[in-house]
Full PDB file with SEQRES, HELIX, SHEET, SSBOND, CRYST1, ORIGX, SCALE, CONECT and MASTER records, all heavy atoms in Angstrom:
SEQRES   1 A   36  GLU ALA SER SER TYR ILE GLU GLN GLU GLN ILE LYS GLN          
SEQRES   2 A   36  SER GLN VAL VAL ALA GLU LEU GLU SER GLN ILE GLU ASP          
SEQRES   3 A   36  LEU ASN ASP LYS LEU LEU ARG ALA LEU ALA                      
HELIX    1 AA1 ALA A    2  LEU A   35  1                                  34    
CRYST1    1.000    1.000    1.000  90.00  90.00  90.00 P 1           1          
ORIGX1      1.000000  0.000000  0.000000        0.00000                         
ORIGX2      0.000000  1.000000  0.000000        0.00000                         
ORIGX3      0.000000  0.000000  1.000000        0.00000                         
SCALE1      1.000000  0.000000  0.000000        0.00000                         
SCALE2      0.000000  1.000000  0.000000        0.00000                         
SCALE3      0.000000  0.000000  1.000000        0.00000                         
ATOM      1  N   GLU A   1     -51.172 -29.965 -38.588  1.00  0.00           N  
ATOM      2  CA  GLU A   1     -50.462 -30.220 -37.319  1.00  0.00           C  
ATOM      3  C   GLU A   1     -48.989 -30.223 -37.528  1.00  0.00           C  
ATOM      4  O   GLU A   1     -48.212 -29.664 -36.727  1.00  0.00           O  
ATOM      5  CB  GLU A   1     -50.962 -31.583 -36.786  1.00  0.00           C  
ATOM      6  CG  GLU A   1     -50.362 -31.889 -35.378  1.00  0.00           C  
ATOM      7  CD  GLU A   1     -50.887 -33.209 -34.872  1.00  0.00           C  
ATOM      8  OE1 GLU A   1     -51.747 -33.792 -35.518  1.00  0.00           O  
ATOM      9  OE2 GLU A   1     -50.417 -33.625 -33.749  1.00  0.00           O  
ATOM     10  N   ALA A   2     -48.523 -30.882 -38.657  1.00  0.00           N  
ATOM     11  CA  ALA A   2     -47.077 -30.903 -38.926  1.00  0.00           C  
ATOM     12  C   ALA A   2     -46.581 -29.486 -39.203  1.00  0.00           C  
ATOM     13  O   ALA A   2     -45.485 -29.116 -38.739  1.00  0.00           O  
ATOM     14  CB  ALA A   2     -46.821 -31.824 -40.130  1.00  0.00           C  
ATOM     15  N   SER A   3     -47.365 -28.725 -39.971  1.00  0.00           N  
ATOM     16  CA  SER A   3     -46.957 -27.372 -40.288  1.00  0.00           C  
ATOM     17  C   SER A   3     -46.858 -26.511 -39.044  1.00  0.00           C  
ATOM     18  O   SER A   3     -45.936 -25.722 -38.844  1.00  0.00           O  
ATOM     19  CB  SER A   3     -47.946 -26.747 -41.248  1.00  0.00           C  
ATOM     20  OG  SER A   3     -47.613 -25.390 -41.523  1.00  0.00           O  
ATOM     21  N   SER A   4     -47.829 -26.679 -38.133  1.00  0.00           N  
ATOM     22  CA  SER A   4     -47.806 -25.945 -36.887  1.00  0.00           C  
ATOM     23  C   SER A   4     -46.623 -26.318 -36.031  1.00  0.00           C  
ATOM     24  O   SER A   4     -45.962 -25.478 -35.411  1.00  0.00           O  
ATOM     25  CB  SER A   4     -49.109 -26.202 -36.130  1.00  0.00           C  
ATOM     26  OG  SER A   4     -49.092 -25.569 -34.846  1.00  0.00           O  
ATOM     27  N   TYR A   5     -46.295 -27.599 -35.998  1.00  0.00           N  
ATOM     28  CA  TYR A   5     -45.142 -28.087 -35.237  1.00  0.00           C  
ATOM     29  C   TYR A   5     -43.852 -27.505 -35.797  1.00  0.00           C  
ATOM     30  O   TYR A   5     -42.963 -27.050 -35.085  1.00  0.00           O  
ATOM     31  CB  TYR A   5     -45.092 -29.630 -35.287  1.00  0.00           C  
ATOM     32  CG  TYR A   5     -43.878 -30.213 -34.631  1.00  0.00           C  
ATOM     33  CD1 TYR A   5     -43.756 -30.307 -33.271  1.00  0.00           C  
ATOM     34  CD2 TYR A   5     -42.803 -30.658 -35.415  1.00  0.00           C  
ATOM     35  CE1 TYR A   5     -42.622 -30.843 -32.671  1.00  0.00           C  
ATOM     36  CE2 TYR A   5     -41.675 -31.216 -34.837  1.00  0.00           C  
ATOM     37  CZ  TYR A   5     -41.595 -31.303 -33.469  1.00  0.00           C  
ATOM     38  OH  TYR A   5     -40.451 -31.825 -32.861  1.00  0.00           O  
ATOM     39  N   ILE A   6     -43.732 -27.523 -37.158  1.00  0.00           N  
ATOM     40  CA  ILE A   6     -42.529 -26.969 -37.782  1.00  0.00           C  
ATOM     41  C   ILE A   6     -42.402 -25.504 -37.503  1.00  0.00           C  
ATOM     42  O   ILE A   6     -41.307 -25.008 -37.214  1.00  0.00           O  
ATOM     43  CB  ILE A   6     -42.599 -27.237 -39.327  1.00  0.00           C  
ATOM     44  CG1 ILE A   6     -42.486 -28.737 -39.607  1.00  0.00           C  
ATOM     45  CG2 ILE A   6     -41.443 -26.477 -40.029  1.00  0.00           C  
ATOM     46  CD1 ILE A   6     -42.696 -29.104 -41.061  1.00  0.00           C  
ATOM     47  N   GLU A   7     -43.522 -24.787 -37.525  1.00  0.00           N  
ATOM     48  CA  GLU A   7     -43.491 -23.329 -37.294  1.00  0.00           C  
ATOM     49  C   GLU A   7     -43.061 -23.079 -35.847  1.00  0.00           C  
ATOM     50  O   GLU A   7     -42.255 -22.179 -35.575  1.00  0.00           O  
ATOM     51  CB  GLU A   7     -44.885 -22.775 -37.527  1.00  0.00           C  
ATOM     52  CG  GLU A   7     -44.944 -21.230 -37.380  1.00  0.00           C  
ATOM     53  CD  GLU A   7     -46.323 -20.707 -37.679  1.00  0.00           C  
ATOM     54  OE1 GLU A   7     -47.194 -21.496 -38.127  1.00  0.00           O  
ATOM     55  OE2 GLU A   7     -46.502 -19.492 -37.508  1.00  0.00           O  
ATOM     56  N   GLN A   8     -43.547 -23.844 -34.879  1.00  0.00           N  
ATOM     57  CA  GLN A   8     -43.164 -23.689 -33.513  1.00  0.00           C  
ATOM     58  C   GLN A   8     -41.665 -23.965 -33.323  1.00  0.00           C  
ATOM     59  O   GLN A   8     -40.953 -23.253 -32.579  1.00  0.00           O  
ATOM     60  CB  GLN A   8     -43.994 -24.605 -32.623  1.00  0.00           C  
ATOM     61  CG  GLN A   8     -45.446 -24.203 -32.537  1.00  0.00           C  
ATOM     62  CD  GLN A   8     -46.273 -25.136 -31.691  1.00  0.00           C  
ATOM     63  OE1 GLN A   8     -45.723 -26.117 -31.172  1.00  0.00           O  
ATOM     64  NE2 GLN A   8     -47.572 -24.852 -31.482  1.00  0.00           N  
ATOM     65  N   GLU A   9     -41.210 -25.062 -34.003  1.00  0.00           N  
ATOM     66  CA  GLU A   9     -39.789 -25.377 -33.898  1.00  0.00           C  
ATOM     67  C   GLU A   9     -38.910 -24.271 -34.496  1.00  0.00           C  
ATOM     68  O   GLU A   9     -37.877 -23.944 -33.937  1.00  0.00           O  
ATOM     69  CB  GLU A   9     -39.484 -26.698 -34.632  1.00  0.00           C  
ATOM     70  CG  GLU A   9     -40.046 -27.917 -33.919  1.00  0.00           C  
ATOM     71  CD  GLU A   9     -39.357 -28.108 -32.541  1.00  0.00           C  
ATOM     72  OE1 GLU A   9     -38.148 -27.936 -32.447  1.00  0.00           O  
ATOM     73  OE2 GLU A   9     -40.101 -28.416 -31.588  1.00  0.00           O  
ATOM     74  N   GLN A  10     -39.387 -23.700 -35.610  1.00  0.00           N  
ATOM     75  CA  GLN A  10     -38.633 -22.608 -36.234  1.00  0.00           C  
ATOM     76  C   GLN A  10     -38.593 -21.381 -35.311  1.00  0.00           C  
ATOM     77  O   GLN A  10     -37.560 -20.708 -35.208  1.00  0.00           O  
ATOM     78  CB  GLN A  10     -39.272 -22.217 -37.573  1.00  0.00           C  
ATOM     79  CG  GLN A  10     -39.082 -23.243 -38.668  1.00  0.00           C  
ATOM     80  CD  GLN A  10     -39.789 -22.890 -39.941  1.00  0.00           C  
ATOM     81  OE1 GLN A  10     -40.648 -21.989 -39.951  1.00  0.00           O  
ATOM     82  NE2 GLN A  10     -39.446 -23.558 -41.062  1.00  0.00           N  
ATOM     83  N   ILE A  11     -39.707 -21.107 -34.626  1.00  0.00           N  
ATOM     84  CA  ILE A  11     -39.754 -20.006 -33.671  1.00  0.00           C  
ATOM     85  C   ILE A  11     -38.752 -20.247 -32.509  1.00  0.00           C  
ATOM     86  O   ILE A  11     -38.022 -19.375 -32.102  1.00  0.00           O  
ATOM     87  CB  ILE A  11     -41.183 -19.789 -33.124  1.00  0.00           C  
ATOM     88  CG1 ILE A  11     -42.105 -19.310 -34.264  1.00  0.00           C  
ATOM     89  CG2 ILE A  11     -41.182 -18.792 -31.965  1.00  0.00           C  
ATOM     90  CD1 ILE A  11     -43.553 -19.238 -33.846  1.00  0.00           C  
ATOM     91  N   LYS A  12     -38.755 -21.517 -32.019  1.00  0.00           N  
ATOM     92  CA  LYS A  12     -37.856 -21.856 -30.908  1.00  0.00           C  
ATOM     93  C   LYS A  12     -36.414 -21.714 -31.402  1.00  0.00           C  
ATOM     94  O   LYS A  12     -35.552 -21.168 -30.675  1.00  0.00           O  
ATOM     95  CB  LYS A  12     -38.106 -23.296 -30.454  1.00  0.00           C  
ATOM     96  CG  LYS A  12     -39.427 -23.482 -29.721  1.00  0.00           C  
ATOM     97  CD  LYS A  12     -39.598 -24.928 -29.289  1.00  0.00           C  
ATOM     98  CE  LYS A  12     -40.913 -25.137 -28.522  1.00  0.00           C  
ATOM     99  NZ  LYS A  12     -41.113 -26.538 -28.133  1.00  0.00           N  
ATOM    100  N   GLN A  13     -36.116 -22.201 -32.610  1.00  0.00           N  
ATOM    101  CA  GLN A  13     -34.765 -22.091 -33.128  1.00  0.00           C  
ATOM    102  C   GLN A  13     -34.341 -20.617 -33.337  1.00  0.00           C  
ATOM    103  O   GLN A  13     -33.221 -20.257 -33.040  1.00  0.00           O  
ATOM    104  CB  GLN A  13     -34.647 -22.850 -34.452  1.00  0.00           C  
ATOM    105  CG  GLN A  13     -34.724 -24.349 -34.341  1.00  0.00           C  
ATOM    106  CD  GLN A  13     -34.662 -25.063 -35.646  1.00  0.00           C  
ATOM    107  OE1 GLN A  13     -34.549 -24.455 -36.665  1.00  0.00           O  
ATOM    108  NE2 GLN A  13     -34.721 -26.404 -35.605  1.00  0.00           N  
ATOM    109  N   SER A  14     -35.281 -19.807 -33.805  1.00  0.00           N  
ATOM    110  CA  SER A  14     -34.999 -18.398 -33.947  1.00  0.00           C  
ATOM    111  C   SER A  14     -34.697 -17.735 -32.650  1.00  0.00           C  
ATOM    112  O   SER A  14     -33.780 -16.890 -32.518  1.00  0.00           O  
ATOM    113  CB  SER A  14     -36.206 -17.711 -34.625  1.00  0.00           C  
ATOM    114  OG  SER A  14     -36.443 -18.220 -35.940  1.00  0.00           O  
ATOM    115  N   GLN A  15     -35.449 -18.093 -31.606  1.00  0.00           N  
ATOM    116  CA  GLN A  15     -35.209 -17.574 -30.285  1.00  0.00           C  
ATOM    117  C   GLN A  15     -33.842 -17.972 -29.765  1.00  0.00           C  
ATOM    118  O   GLN A  15     -33.105 -17.187 -29.156  1.00  0.00           O  
ATOM    119  CB  GLN A  15     -36.314 -18.015 -29.342  1.00  0.00           C  
ATOM    120  CG  GLN A  15     -37.670 -17.412 -29.630  1.00  0.00           C  
ATOM    121  CD  GLN A  15     -38.764 -17.968 -28.723  1.00  0.00           C  
ATOM    122  OE1 GLN A  15     -38.563 -18.956 -28.066  1.00  0.00           O  
ATOM    123  NE2 GLN A  15     -39.924 -17.299 -28.734  1.00  0.00           N  
ATOM    124  N   VAL A  16     -33.488 -19.253 -29.979  1.00  0.00           N  
ATOM    125  CA  VAL A  16     -32.170 -19.763 -29.524  1.00  0.00           C  
ATOM    126  C   VAL A  16     -31.066 -19.038 -30.266  1.00  0.00           C  
ATOM    127  O   VAL A  16     -30.044 -18.615 -29.663  1.00  0.00           O  
ATOM    128  CB  VAL A  16     -32.108 -21.278 -29.779  1.00  0.00           C  
ATOM    129  CG1 VAL A  16     -30.658 -21.762 -29.503  1.00  0.00           C  
ATOM    130  CG2 VAL A  16     -33.052 -22.012 -28.874  1.00  0.00           C  
ATOM    131  N   VAL A  17     -31.230 -18.846 -31.614  1.00  0.00           N  
ATOM    132  CA  VAL A  17     -30.219 -18.158 -32.366  1.00  0.00           C  
ATOM    133  C   VAL A  17     -30.075 -16.727 -31.912  1.00  0.00           C  
ATOM    134  O   VAL A  17     -28.971 -16.182 -31.785  1.00  0.00           O  
ATOM    135  CB  VAL A  17     -30.595 -18.197 -33.888  1.00  0.00           C  
ATOM    136  CG1 VAL A  17     -29.675 -17.298 -34.706  1.00  0.00           C  
ATOM    137  CG2 VAL A  17     -30.503 -19.631 -34.421  1.00  0.00           C  
ATOM    138  N   ALA A  18     -31.220 -16.058 -31.655  1.00  0.00           N  
ATOM    139  CA  ALA A  18     -31.163 -14.645 -31.205  1.00  0.00           C  
ATOM    140  C   ALA A  18     -30.443 -14.546 -29.837  1.00  0.00           C  
ATOM    141  O   ALA A  18     -29.660 -13.627 -29.608  1.00  0.00           O  
ATOM    142  CB  ALA A  18     -32.597 -14.111 -31.107  1.00  0.00           C  
ATOM    143  N   GLU A  19     -30.734 -15.500 -28.978  1.00  0.00           N  
ATOM    144  CA  GLU A  19     -30.088 -15.509 -27.642  1.00  0.00           C  
ATOM    145  C   GLU A  19     -28.561 -15.738 -27.792  1.00  0.00           C  
ATOM    146  O   GLU A  19     -27.795 -15.051 -27.145  1.00  0.00           O  
ATOM    147  CB  GLU A  19     -30.705 -16.564 -26.756  1.00  0.00           C  
ATOM    148  CG  GLU A  19     -30.151 -16.584 -25.336  1.00  0.00           C  
ATOM    149  CD  GLU A  19     -30.846 -17.623 -24.460  1.00  0.00           C  
ATOM    150  OE1 GLU A  19     -31.821 -18.260 -24.963  1.00  0.00           O  
ATOM    151  OE2 GLU A  19     -30.414 -17.801 -23.297  1.00  0.00           O  
ATOM    152  N   LEU A  20     -28.193 -16.682 -28.670  1.00  0.00           N  
ATOM    153  CA  LEU A  20     -26.786 -16.971 -28.880  1.00  0.00           C  
ATOM    154  C   LEU A  20     -26.080 -15.738 -29.499  1.00  0.00           C  
ATOM    155  O   LEU A  20     -24.954 -15.407 -29.113  1.00  0.00           O  
ATOM    156  CB  LEU A  20     -26.619 -18.184 -29.791  1.00  0.00           C  
ATOM    157  CG  LEU A  20     -27.002 -19.522 -29.167  1.00  0.00           C  
ATOM    158  CD1 LEU A  20     -26.900 -20.626 -30.217  1.00  0.00           C  
ATOM    159  CD2 LEU A  20     -26.140 -19.852 -27.961  1.00  0.00           C  
ATOM    160  N   GLU A  21     -26.743 -15.084 -30.466  1.00  0.00           N  
ATOM    161  CA  GLU A  21     -26.150 -13.897 -31.054  1.00  0.00           C  
ATOM    162  C   GLU A  21     -25.987 -12.800 -30.020  1.00  0.00           C  
ATOM    163  O   GLU A  21     -24.977 -12.088 -30.048  1.00  0.00           O  
ATOM    164  CB  GLU A  21     -27.060 -13.433 -32.208  1.00  0.00           C  
ATOM    165  CG  GLU A  21     -27.051 -14.335 -33.437  1.00  0.00           C  
ATOM    166  CD  GLU A  21     -27.942 -13.838 -34.551  1.00  0.00           C  
ATOM    167  OE1 GLU A  21     -28.756 -12.936 -34.233  1.00  0.00           O  
ATOM    168  OE2 GLU A  21     -27.815 -14.356 -35.670  1.00  0.00           O  
ATOM    169  N   SER A  22     -26.949 -12.676 -29.129  1.00  0.00           N  
ATOM    170  CA  SER A  22     -26.859 -11.672 -28.084  1.00  0.00           C  
ATOM    171  C   SER A  22     -25.641 -11.963 -27.137  1.00  0.00           C  
ATOM    172  O   SER A  22     -24.918 -11.073 -26.750  1.00  0.00           O  
ATOM    173  CB  SER A  22     -28.143 -11.609 -27.298  1.00  0.00           C  
ATOM    174  OG  SER A  22     -28.052 -10.697 -26.182  1.00  0.00           O  
ATOM    175  N   GLN A  23     -25.513 -13.263 -26.804  1.00  0.00           N  
ATOM    176  CA  GLN A  23     -24.395 -13.688 -25.949  1.00  0.00           C  
ATOM    177  C   GLN A  23     -23.050 -13.425 -26.662  1.00  0.00           C  
ATOM    178  O   GLN A  23     -22.107 -12.959 -26.054  1.00  0.00           O  
ATOM    179  CB  GLN A  23     -24.539 -15.159 -25.577  1.00  0.00           C  
ATOM    180  CG  GLN A  23     -25.697 -15.430 -24.636  1.00  0.00           C  
ATOM    181  CD  GLN A  23     -25.857 -16.901 -24.325  1.00  0.00           C  
ATOM    182  OE1 GLN A  23     -25.093 -17.729 -24.856  1.00  0.00           O  
ATOM    183  NE2 GLN A  23     -26.841 -17.236 -23.537  1.00  0.00           N  
ATOM    184  N   ILE A  24     -23.017 -13.725 -27.961  1.00  0.00           N  
ATOM    185  CA  ILE A  24     -21.795 -13.534 -28.716  1.00  0.00           C  
ATOM    186  C   ILE A  24     -21.439 -12.030 -28.773  1.00  0.00           C  
ATOM    187  O   ILE A  24     -20.280 -11.621 -28.586  1.00  0.00           O  
ATOM    188  CB  ILE A  24     -21.922 -14.082 -30.150  1.00  0.00           C  
ATOM    189  CG1 ILE A  24     -22.012 -15.620 -30.124  1.00  0.00           C  
ATOM    190  CG2 ILE A  24     -20.791 -13.649 -31.051  1.00  0.00           C  
ATOM    191  CD1 ILE A  24     -22.324 -16.254 -31.435  1.00  0.00           C  
ATOM    192  N   GLU A  25     -22.453 -11.200 -29.009  1.00  0.00           N  
ATOM    193  CA  GLU A  25     -22.233  -9.759 -29.032  1.00  0.00           C  
ATOM    194  C   GLU A  25     -21.743  -9.252 -27.689  1.00  0.00           C  
ATOM    195  O   GLU A  25     -20.830  -8.424 -27.620  1.00  0.00           O  
ATOM    196  CB  GLU A  25     -23.538  -9.054 -29.426  1.00  0.00           C  
ATOM    197  CG  GLU A  25     -23.393  -7.520 -29.568  1.00  0.00           C  
ATOM    198  CD  GLU A  25     -24.691  -6.867 -30.014  1.00  0.00           C  
ATOM    199  OE1 GLU A  25     -25.667  -7.636 -30.269  1.00  0.00           O  
ATOM    200  OE2 GLU A  25     -24.709  -5.641 -30.084  1.00  0.00           O  
ATOM    201  N   ASP A  26     -22.342  -9.744 -26.633  1.00  0.00           N  
ATOM    202  CA  ASP A  26     -21.894  -9.353 -25.277  1.00  0.00           C  
ATOM    203  C   ASP A  26     -20.469  -9.792 -25.016  1.00  0.00           C  
ATOM    204  O   ASP A  26     -19.667  -9.018 -24.444  1.00  0.00           O  
ATOM    205  CB  ASP A  26     -22.858  -9.971 -24.250  1.00  0.00           C  
ATOM    206  CG  ASP A  26     -22.541  -9.526 -22.814  1.00  0.00           C  
ATOM    207  OD1 ASP A  26     -22.524  -8.305 -22.575  1.00  0.00           O  
ATOM    208  OD2 ASP A  26     -22.250 -10.395 -21.983  1.00  0.00           O  
ATOM    209  N   LEU A  27     -20.137 -11.003 -25.422  1.00  0.00           N  
ATOM    210  CA  LEU A  27     -18.776 -11.513 -25.206  1.00  0.00           C  
ATOM    211  C   LEU A  27     -17.768 -10.697 -26.029  1.00  0.00           C  
ATOM    212  O   LEU A  27     -16.648 -10.375 -25.584  1.00  0.00           O  
ATOM    213  CB  LEU A  27     -18.678 -12.997 -25.568  1.00  0.00           C  
ATOM    214  CG  LEU A  27     -19.388 -13.952 -24.610  1.00  0.00           C  
ATOM    215  CD1 LEU A  27     -19.373 -15.375 -25.152  1.00  0.00           C  
ATOM    216  CD2 LEU A  27     -18.758 -13.925 -23.204  1.00  0.00           C  
ATOM    217  N   ASN A  28     -18.135 -10.366 -27.284  1.00  0.00           N  
ATOM    218  CA  ASN A  28     -17.283  -9.572 -28.134  1.00  0.00           C  
ATOM    219  C   ASN A  28     -17.034  -8.183 -27.502  1.00  0.00           C  
ATOM    220  O   ASN A  28     -15.918  -7.685 -27.531  1.00  0.00           O  
ATOM    221  CB  ASN A  28     -17.916  -9.389 -29.513  1.00  0.00           C  
ATOM    222  CG  ASN A  28     -17.754 -10.656 -30.381  1.00  0.00           C  
ATOM    223  OD1 ASN A  28     -16.855 -11.452 -30.141  1.00  0.00           O  
ATOM    224  ND2 ASN A  28     -18.639 -10.821 -31.338  1.00  0.00           N  
ATOM    225  N   ASP A  29     -18.101  -7.614 -26.945  1.00  0.00           N  
ATOM    226  CA  ASP A  29     -17.958  -6.292 -26.307  1.00  0.00           C  
ATOM    227  C   ASP A  29     -17.027  -6.385 -25.117  1.00  0.00           C  
ATOM    228  O   ASP A  29     -16.159  -5.534 -24.908  1.00  0.00           O  
ATOM    229  CB  ASP A  29     -19.358  -5.812 -25.887  1.00  0.00           C  
ATOM    230  CG  ASP A  29     -19.300  -4.447 -25.236  1.00  0.00           C  
ATOM    231  OD1 ASP A  29     -18.976  -3.438 -25.923  1.00  0.00           O  
ATOM    232  OD2 ASP A  29     -19.521  -4.357 -23.995  1.00  0.00           O  
ATOM    233  N   LYS A  30     -17.184  -7.445 -24.297  1.00  0.00           N  
ATOM    234  CA  LYS A  30     -16.322  -7.619 -23.148  1.00  0.00           C  
ATOM    235  C   LYS A  30     -14.877  -7.860 -23.576  1.00  0.00           C  
ATOM    236  O   LYS A  30     -13.935  -7.351 -22.958  1.00  0.00           O  
ATOM    237  CB  LYS A  30     -16.831  -8.806 -22.275  1.00  0.00           C  
ATOM    238  CG  LYS A  30     -18.138  -8.522 -21.547  1.00  0.00           C  
ATOM    239  CD  LYS A  30     -18.539  -9.720 -20.724  1.00  0.00           C  
ATOM    240  CE  LYS A  30     -19.856  -9.412 -19.949  1.00  0.00           C  
ATOM    241  NZ  LYS A  30     -20.276 -10.571 -19.158  1.00  0.00           N  
ATOM    242  N   LEU A  31     -14.699  -8.657 -24.663  1.00  0.00           N  
ATOM    243  CA  LEU A  31     -13.371  -8.894 -25.189  1.00  0.00           C  
ATOM    244  C   LEU A  31     -12.710  -7.650 -25.659  1.00  0.00           C  
ATOM    245  O   LEU A  31     -11.542  -7.359 -25.353  1.00  0.00           O  
ATOM    246  CB  LEU A  31     -13.450  -9.937 -26.315  1.00  0.00           C  
ATOM    247  CG  LEU A  31     -12.127 -10.265 -27.021  1.00  0.00           C  
ATOM    248  CD1 LEU A  31     -11.139 -10.840 -26.006  1.00  0.00           C  
ATOM    249  CD2 LEU A  31     -12.350 -11.220 -28.172  1.00  0.00           C  
ATOM    250  N   LEU A  32     -13.435  -6.806 -26.394  1.00  0.00           N  
ATOM    251  CA  LEU A  32     -12.901  -5.570 -26.904  1.00  0.00           C  
ATOM    252  C   LEU A  32     -12.541  -4.621 -25.764  1.00  0.00           C  
ATOM    253  O   LEU A  32     -11.501  -3.950 -25.807  1.00  0.00           O  
ATOM    254  CB  LEU A  32     -13.902  -4.864 -27.860  1.00  0.00           C  
ATOM    255  CG  LEU A  32     -14.154  -5.601 -29.197  1.00  0.00           C  
ATOM    256  CD1 LEU A  32     -15.247  -4.872 -29.955  1.00  0.00           C  
ATOM    257  CD2 LEU A  32     -12.890  -5.673 -29.986  1.00  0.00           C  
ATOM    258  N   ARG A  33     -13.419  -4.589 -24.733  1.00  0.00           N  
ATOM    259  CA  ARG A  33     -13.104  -3.755 -23.578  1.00  0.00           C  
ATOM    260  C   ARG A  33     -11.845  -4.258 -22.850  1.00  0.00           C  
ATOM    261  O   ARG A  33     -11.005  -3.460 -22.416  1.00  0.00           O  
ATOM    262  CB  ARG A  33     -14.288  -3.746 -22.630  1.00  0.00           C  
ATOM    263  CG  ARG A  33     -15.491  -2.967 -23.126  1.00  0.00           C  
ATOM    264  CD  ARG A  33     -16.670  -3.062 -22.159  1.00  0.00           C  
ATOM    265  NE  ARG A  33     -17.820  -2.382 -22.636  1.00  0.00           N  
ATOM    266  CZ  ARG A  33     -18.053  -1.095 -22.517  1.00  0.00           C  
ATOM    267  NH1 ARG A  33     -17.206  -0.316 -21.870  1.00  0.00           N  
ATOM    268  NH2 ARG A  33     -19.186  -0.537 -23.015  1.00  0.00           N  
ATOM    269  N   ALA A  34     -11.739  -5.579 -22.712  1.00  0.00           N  
ATOM    270  CA  ALA A  34     -10.545  -6.139 -22.049  1.00  0.00           C  
ATOM    271  C   ALA A  34      -9.303  -5.861 -22.854  1.00  0.00           C  
ATOM    272  O   ALA A  34      -8.242  -5.512 -22.274  1.00  0.00           O  
ATOM    273  CB  ALA A  34     -10.731  -7.680 -21.884  1.00  0.00           C  
ATOM    274  N   LEU A  35      -9.384  -5.969 -24.186  1.00  0.00           N  
ATOM    275  CA  LEU A  35      -8.213  -5.681 -25.048  1.00  0.00           C  
ATOM    276  C   LEU A  35      -7.831  -4.195 -24.947  1.00  0.00           C  
ATOM    277  O   LEU A  35      -6.639  -3.857 -24.890  1.00  0.00           O  
ATOM    278  CB  LEU A  35      -8.535  -6.066 -26.485  1.00  0.00           C  
ATOM    279  CG  LEU A  35      -8.630  -7.563 -26.785  1.00  0.00           C  
ATOM    280  CD1 LEU A  35      -9.057  -7.756 -28.218  1.00  0.00           C  
ATOM    281  CD2 LEU A  35      -7.335  -8.287 -26.514  1.00  0.00           C  
ATOM    282  N   ALA A  36      -8.862  -3.345 -24.936  1.00  0.00           N  
ATOM    283  CA  ALA A  36      -8.586  -1.907 -24.811  1.00  0.00           C  
ATOM    284  C   ALA A  36      -7.927  -1.589 -23.473  1.00  0.00           C  
ATOM    285  O   ALA A  36      -6.986  -0.775 -23.408  1.00  0.00           O  
ATOM    286  CB  ALA A  36      -9.863  -1.122 -25.000  1.00  0.00           C  
TER     287      ALA A  36                                                      
MASTER        0    0    0    1    0    0    0    6  286    1    0    3          
END                                                                             
């Protein structure tokens, strides 16, 4: 049960990290376009 909980938490954290990375990439792209 603990292992399953940890695995689920890791999946959630990975999803959050992926979403944040996507947002950062999008913001960087907008910033570069604005600078250009």
